Amino acid sequence: MFKKKECFPMLLHSENGFGLMQVIFVLLVITISFGSFFIGSYYARKLATEHYHSRVALLAASGKINLIKFYNYQNLNGETVINGIPSLYDGVVIDAQALPVIEATVNVTKSTHTDMIVAPYVIFDQVEVKLTWQEPSRSLLNSSLFYTKSLTLREDYFRRQDVIN
């Protein structure tokens, strides 16, 4: 039989260690791993920040609803009043640490309804508090873009209406 050295004289005598292709492949795998880890952590941080902003907006809207409840607690005629309540329509700071500061605008609407089939003597005021803010983009390449997010919280205030026969 032929010896390895005689057939292929250009081969190295020792096959211990790494070849150039193996080193390049390992570097490529490590680079892709670190890159995907960086991108994944970037998007996870962005989504966690967006979730935090939504939670702050929900708490702020709930506070506005509770403010309406507080000012209408002793209302004798039963109709829910939303005009004249201090700081009800003031903007809400969602994130003071962000640059630029993220602030939400507040829109409060009220409509009166009745369900004649279920109870014709029961009327309810439907109050909606809507917060709208500009959320920074999730894009890694263009973070100067913003998109609009909003949250609406609704509360119904029931009261009895005298039925005239």
C-alpha atoms as a PDB file:
ATOM      1  CA  MET A   1       0.000   0.000   0.000  1.00  0.00           C
ATOM      2  CA  PHE A   2       0.898   3.579  -0.424  1.00  0.00           C
ATOM      3  CA  LYS A   3       1.904   5.644   2.506  1.00  0.00           C
ATOM      4  CA  LYS A   4       0.126   8.945   3.018  1.00  0.00           C
ATOM      5  CA  LYS A   5       3.345  10.877   2.692  1.00  0.00           C
ATOM      6  CA  GLU A   6       4.178   9.384  -0.688  1.00  0.00           C
ATOM      7  CA  CYS A   7       0.711   9.946  -2.268  1.00  0.00           C
ATOM      8  CA  PHE A   8       0.107  13.455  -1.008  1.00  0.00           C
ATOM      9  CA  PRO A   9       3.394  15.180  -0.308  1.00  0.00           C
ATOM     10  CA  MET A  10       1.742  18.600   0.112  1.00  0.00           C
ATOM     11  CA  LEU A  11      -0.219  17.552   3.230  1.00  0.00           C
ATOM     12  CA  LEU A  12       1.056  18.364   6.644  1.00  0.00           C
ATOM     13  CA  HIS A  13       2.501  15.533   8.608  1.00  0.00           C
ATOM     14  CA  SER A  14       0.487  16.453  11.731  1.00  0.00           C
ATOM     15  CA  GLU A  15      -3.282  16.959  11.668  1.00  0.00           C
ATOM     16  CA  ASN A  16      -3.560  18.450  15.142  1.00  0.00           C
ATOM     17  CA  GLY A  17      -5.080  21.944  15.548  1.00  0.00           C
ATOM     18  CA  PHE A  18      -7.544  23.970  13.484  1.00  0.00           C
ATOM     19  CA  GLY A  19      -7.530  24.758   9.815  1.00  0.00           C
ATOM     20  CA  LEU A  20      -8.231  28.218   8.412  1.00  0.00           C
ATOM     21  CA  MET A  21     -11.744  27.262   7.286  1.00  0.00           C
ATOM     22  CA  GLN A  22     -12.613  25.947  10.732  1.00  0.00           C
ATOM     23  CA  VAL A  23     -11.446  29.182  12.368  1.00  0.00           C
ATOM     24  CA  ILE A  24     -13.448  31.299   9.900  1.00  0.00           C
ATOM     25  CA  PHE A  25     -16.537  29.169  10.486  1.00  0.00           C
ATOM     26  CA  VAL A  26     -16.243  29.479  14.280  1.00  0.00           C
ATOM     27  CA  LEU A  27     -15.795  33.260  14.005  1.00  0.00           C
ATOM     28  CA  LEU A  28     -18.859  33.459  11.743  1.00  0.00           C
ATOM     29  CA  VAL A  29     -20.982  31.483  14.225  1.00  0.00           C
ATOM     30  CA  ILE A  30     -19.815  33.637  17.148  1.00  0.00           C
ATOM     31  CA  THR A  31     -20.510  36.851  15.195  1.00  0.00           C
ATOM     32  CA  ILE A  32     -24.030  35.741  14.254  1.00  0.00           C
ATOM     33  CA  SER A  33     -24.705  34.660  17.845  1.00  0.00           C
ATOM     34  CA  PHE A  34     -23.610  37.978  19.330  1.00  0.00           C
ATOM     35  CA  GLY A  35     -25.477  39.917  16.648  1.00  0.00           C
ATOM     36  CA  SER A  36     -28.723  38.049  17.237  1.00  0.00           C
ATOM     37  CA  PHE A  37     -28.302  38.435  21.002  1.00  0.00           C
ATOM     38  CA  PHE A  38     -27.824  42.199  20.595  1.00  0.00           C
ATOM     39  CA  ILE A  39     -30.835  42.594  18.287  1.00  0.00           C
ATOM     40  CA  GLY A  40     -33.017  40.402  20.509  1.00  0.00           C
ATOM     41  CA  SER A  41     -32.128  42.333  23.637  1.00  0.00           C
ATOM     42  CA  TYR A  42     -32.723  45.638  21.821  1.00  0.00           C
ATOM     43  CA  TYR A  43     -36.247  44.626  20.770  1.00  0.00           C
ATOM     44  CA  ALA A  44     -37.011  43.134  24.190  1.00  0.00           C
ATOM     45  CA  ARG A  45     -36.040  46.430  25.827  1.00  0.00           C
ATOM     46  CA  LYS A  46     -38.193  48.384  23.336  1.00  0.00           C
ATOM     47  CA  LEU A  47     -41.217  46.143  23.956  1.00  0.00           C
ATOM     48  CA  ALA A  48     -40.762  46.336  27.729  1.00  0.00           C
ATOM     49  CA  THR A  49     -40.641  50.146  27.473  1.00  0.00           C
ATOM     50  CA  GLU A  50     -43.820  50.196  25.359  1.00  0.00           C
ATOM     51  CA  HIS A  51     -45.543  47.946  27.881  1.00  0.00           C
ATOM     52  CA  TYR A  52     -44.455  50.290  30.668  1.00  0.00           C
ATOM     53  CA  HIS A  53     -45.910  53.260  28.750  1.00  0.00           C
ATOM     54  CA  SER A  54     -49.216  51.434  28.286  1.00  0.00           C
ATOM     55  CA  ARG A  55     -49.378  50.609  32.003  1.00  0.00           C
ATOM     56  CA  VAL A  56     -48.684  54.239  32.949  1.00  0.00           C
ATOM     57  CA  ALA A  57     -51.398  55.396  30.527  1.00  0.00           C
ATOM     58  CA  LEU A  58     -53.863  52.888  31.981  1.00  0.00           C
ATOM     59  CA  LEU A  59     -53.154  54.082  35.522  1.00  0.00           C
ATOM     60  CA  ALA A  60     -53.498  57.715  34.443  1.00  0.00           C
ATOM     61  CA  ALA A  61     -56.837  57.018  32.725  1.00  0.00           C
ATOM     62  CA  SER A  62     -58.028  55.152  35.804  1.00  0.00           C
ATOM     63  CA  GLY A  63     -57.040  58.169  37.903  1.00  0.00           C
ATOM     64  CA  LYS A  64     -59.119  60.438  35.636  1.00  0.00           C
ATOM     65  CA  ILE A  65     -62.115  58.085  36.008  1.00  0.00           C
ATOM     66  CA  ASN A  66     -61.685  58.114  39.794  1.00  0.00           C
ATOM     67  CA  LEU A  67     -61.500  61.920  39.707  1.00  0.00           C
ATOM     68  CA  ILE A  68     -64.865  61.984  37.915  1.00  0.00           C
ATOM     69  CA  LYS A  69     -66.292  59.578  40.514  1.00  0.00           C
ATOM     70  CA  PHE A  70     -64.991  61.760  43.349  1.00  0.00           C
ATOM     71  CA  TYR A  71     -66.509  64.973  41.994  1.00  0.00           C
ATOM     72  CA  ASN A  72     -69.847  63.289  41.247  1.00  0.00           C
ATOM     73  CA  TYR A  73     -70.170  61.354  44.502  1.00  0.00           C
ATOM     74  CA  GLN A  74     -72.498  63.867  46.185  1.00  0.00           C
ATOM     75  CA  ASN A  75     -74.293  64.918  42.990  1.00  0.00           C
ATOM     76  CA  LEU A  76     -77.973  65.092  43.956  1.00  0.00           C
ATOM     77  CA  ASN A  77     -79.599  65.059  40.518  1.00  0.00           C
ATOM     78  CA  GLY A  78     -77.653  61.909  39.536  1.00  0.00           C
ATOM     79  CA  GLU A  79     -76.355  63.186  36.208  1.00  0.00           C
ATOM     80  CA  THR A  80     -72.623  62.681  35.753  1.00  0.00           C
ATOM     81  CA  VAL A  81     -70.800  65.981  35.322  1.00  0.00           C
ATOM     82  CA  ILE A  82     -67.450  66.139  33.545  1.00  0.00           C
ATOM     83  CA  ASN A  83     -67.168  69.876  32.917  1.00  0.00           C
ATOM     84  CA  GLY A  84     -65.537  72.055  35.544  1.00  0.00           C
ATOM     85  CA  ILE A  85     -63.492  69.296  37.181  1.00  0.00           C
ATOM     86  CA  PRO A  86     -59.978  70.646  37.856  1.00  0.00           C
ATOM     87  CA  SER A  87     -57.070  68.925  36.081  1.00  0.00           C
ATOM     88  CA  LEU A  88     -59.370  66.485  34.254  1.00  0.00           C
ATOM     89  CA  TYR A  89     -58.277  67.597  30.794  1.00  0.00           C
ATOM     90  CA  ASP A  90     -54.617  68.210  31.685  1.00  0.00           C
ATOM     91  CA  GLY A  91     -52.042  66.229  29.757  1.00  0.00           C
ATOM     92  CA  VAL A  92     -50.343  63.268  31.404  1.00  0.00           C
ATOM     93  CA  VAL A  93     -46.595  62.651  31.369  1.00  0.00           C
ATOM     94  CA  ILE A  94     -46.076  59.027  30.331  1.00  0.00           C
ATOM     95  CA  ASP A  95     -42.262  58.934  30.494  1.00  0.00           C
ATOM     96  CA  ALA A  96     -40.236  61.854  31.831  1.00  0.00           C
ATOM     97  CA  GLN A  97     -36.931  59.985  31.339  1.00  0.00           C
ATOM     98  CA  ALA A  98     -37.359  59.605  27.571  1.00  0.00           C
ATOM     99  CA  LEU A  99     -35.933  62.089  25.109  1.00  0.00           C
ATOM    100  CA  PRO A 100     -38.182  63.743  24.032  1.00  0.00           C
ATOM    101  CA  VAL A 101     -40.531  63.488  27.026  1.00  0.00           C
ATOM    102  CA  ILE A 102     -43.568  61.359  26.171  1.00  0.00           C
ATOM    103  CA  GLU A 103     -46.787  63.142  27.084  1.00  0.00           C
ATOM    104  CA  ALA A 104     -50.359  61.999  26.458  1.00  0.00           C
ATOM    105  CA  THR A 105     -53.317  64.190  25.570  1.00  0.00           C
ATOM    106  CA  VAL A 106     -56.585  63.516  27.378  1.00  0.00           C
ATOM    107  CA  ASN A 107     -60.010  63.470  25.730  1.00  0.00           C
ATOM    108  CA  VAL A 108     -63.098  62.915  27.912  1.00  0.00           C
ATOM    109  CA  THR A 109     -66.545  62.301  26.411  1.00  0.00           C
ATOM    110  CA  LYS A 110     -69.904  61.581  27.994  1.00  0.00           C
ATOM    111  CA  SER A 111     -73.069  60.174  26.452  1.00  0.00           C
ATOM    112  CA  THR A 112     -76.364  59.211  28.083  1.00  0.00           C
ATOM    113  CA  HIS A 113     -78.090  55.909  27.297  1.00  0.00           C
ATOM    114  CA  THR A 114     -81.048  53.819  28.364  1.00  0.00           C
ATOM    115  CA  ASP A 115     -82.085  50.263  27.689  1.00  0.00           C
ATOM    116  CA  MET A 116     -85.838  50.356  27.246  1.00  0.00           C
ATOM    117  CA  ILE A 117     -86.189  46.579  27.002  1.00  0.00           C
ATOM    118  CA  VAL A 118     -84.399  45.679  30.230  1.00  0.00           C
ATOM    119  CA  ALA A 119     -85.294  48.590  32.503  1.00  0.00           C
ATOM    120  CA  PRO A 120     -86.942  51.719  31.098  1.00  0.00           C
ATOM    121  CA  TYR A 121     -86.483  53.593  34.376  1.00  0.00           C
ATOM    122  CA  VAL A 122     -82.690  53.118  34.473  1.00  0.00           C
ATOM    123  CA  ILE A 123     -80.467  55.590  32.670  1.00  0.00           C
ATOM    124  CA  PHE A 124     -76.698  55.480  32.499  1.00  0.00           C
ATOM    125  CA  ASP A 125     -74.021  57.958  31.568  1.00  0.00           C
ATOM    126  CA  GLN A 126     -71.196  56.426  29.600  1.00  0.00           C
ATOM    127  CA  VAL A 127     -67.927  58.286  30.271  1.00  0.00           C
ATOM    128  CA  GLU A 128     -64.857  57.563  28.122  1.00  0.00           C
ATOM    129  CA  VAL A 129     -61.351  58.766  28.897  1.00  0.00           C
ATOM    130  CA  LYS A 130     -59.005  58.460  25.917  1.00  0.00           C
ATOM    131  CA  LEU A 131     -55.251  59.031  26.209  1.00  0.00           C
ATOM    132  CA  THR A 132     -53.199  59.458  23.033  1.00  0.00           C
ATOM    133  CA  TRP A 133     -49.408  59.669  22.825  1.00  0.00           C
ATOM    134  CA  GLN A 134     -46.538  59.320  20.368  1.00  0.00           C
ATOM    135  CA  GLU A 135     -44.492  56.154  20.909  1.00  0.00           C
ATOM    136  CA  PRO A 136     -40.903  55.966  19.570  1.00  0.00           C
ATOM    137  CA  SER A 137     -40.350  53.541  16.712  1.00  0.00           C
ATOM    138  CA  ARG A 138     -39.085  50.002  17.329  1.00  0.00           C
ATOM    139  CA  SER A 139     -36.809  50.259  14.332  1.00  0.00           C
ATOM    140  CA  LEU A 140     -33.139  49.733  14.999  1.00  0.00           C
ATOM    141  CA  LEU A 141     -32.134  51.708  11.922  1.00  0.00           C
ATOM    142  CA  ASN A 142     -34.443  54.727  12.192  1.00  0.00           C
ATOM    143  CA  SER A 143     -35.310  55.508  15.793  1.00  0.00           C
ATOM    144  CA  SER A 144     -36.405  59.078  15.023  1.00  0.00           C
ATOM    145  CA  LEU A 145     -39.822  57.880  13.799  1.00  0.00           C
ATOM    146  CA  PHE A 146     -42.870  57.919  16.065  1.00  0.00           C
ATOM    147  CA  TYR A 147     -46.250  56.232  15.859  1.00  0.00           C
ATOM    148  CA  THR A 148     -49.481  57.051  17.644  1.00  0.00           C
ATOM    149  CA  LYS A 149     -50.829  54.859  20.428  1.00  0.00           C
ATOM    150  CA  SER A 150     -54.031  55.378  22.345  1.00  0.00           C
ATOM    151  CA  LEU A 151     -55.858  53.839  25.255  1.00  0.00           C
ATOM    152  CA  THR A 152     -59.563  54.229  26.029  1.00  0.00           C
ATOM    153  CA  LEU A 153     -61.120  53.511  29.410  1.00  0.00           C
ATOM    154  CA  ARG A 154     -64.895  53.517  29.815  1.00  0.00           C
ATOM    155  CA  GLU A 155     -67.045  53.715  32.923  1.00  0.00           C
ATOM    156  CA  ASP A 156     -70.836  53.574  33.159  1.00  0.00           C
ATOM    157  CA  TYR A 157     -72.680  55.550  35.845  1.00  0.00           C
ATOM    158  CA  PHE A 158     -76.219  54.277  36.409  1.00  0.00           C
ATOM    159  CA  ARG A 159     -79.100  56.265  37.878  1.00  0.00           C
ATOM    160  CA  ARG A 160     -82.814  55.862  38.276  1.00  0.00           C
ATOM    161  CA  GLN A 161     -85.218  57.914  36.194  1.00  0.00           C
ATOM    162  CA  ASP A 162     -88.770  58.520  37.326  1.00  0.00           C
ATOM    163  CA  VAL A 163     -91.260  56.993  34.902  1.00  0.00           C
ATOM    164  CA  ILE A 164     -94.235  59.185  34.099  1.00  0.00           C
ATOM    165  CA  ASN A 165     -97.386  57.183  33.326  1.00  0.00           C
END
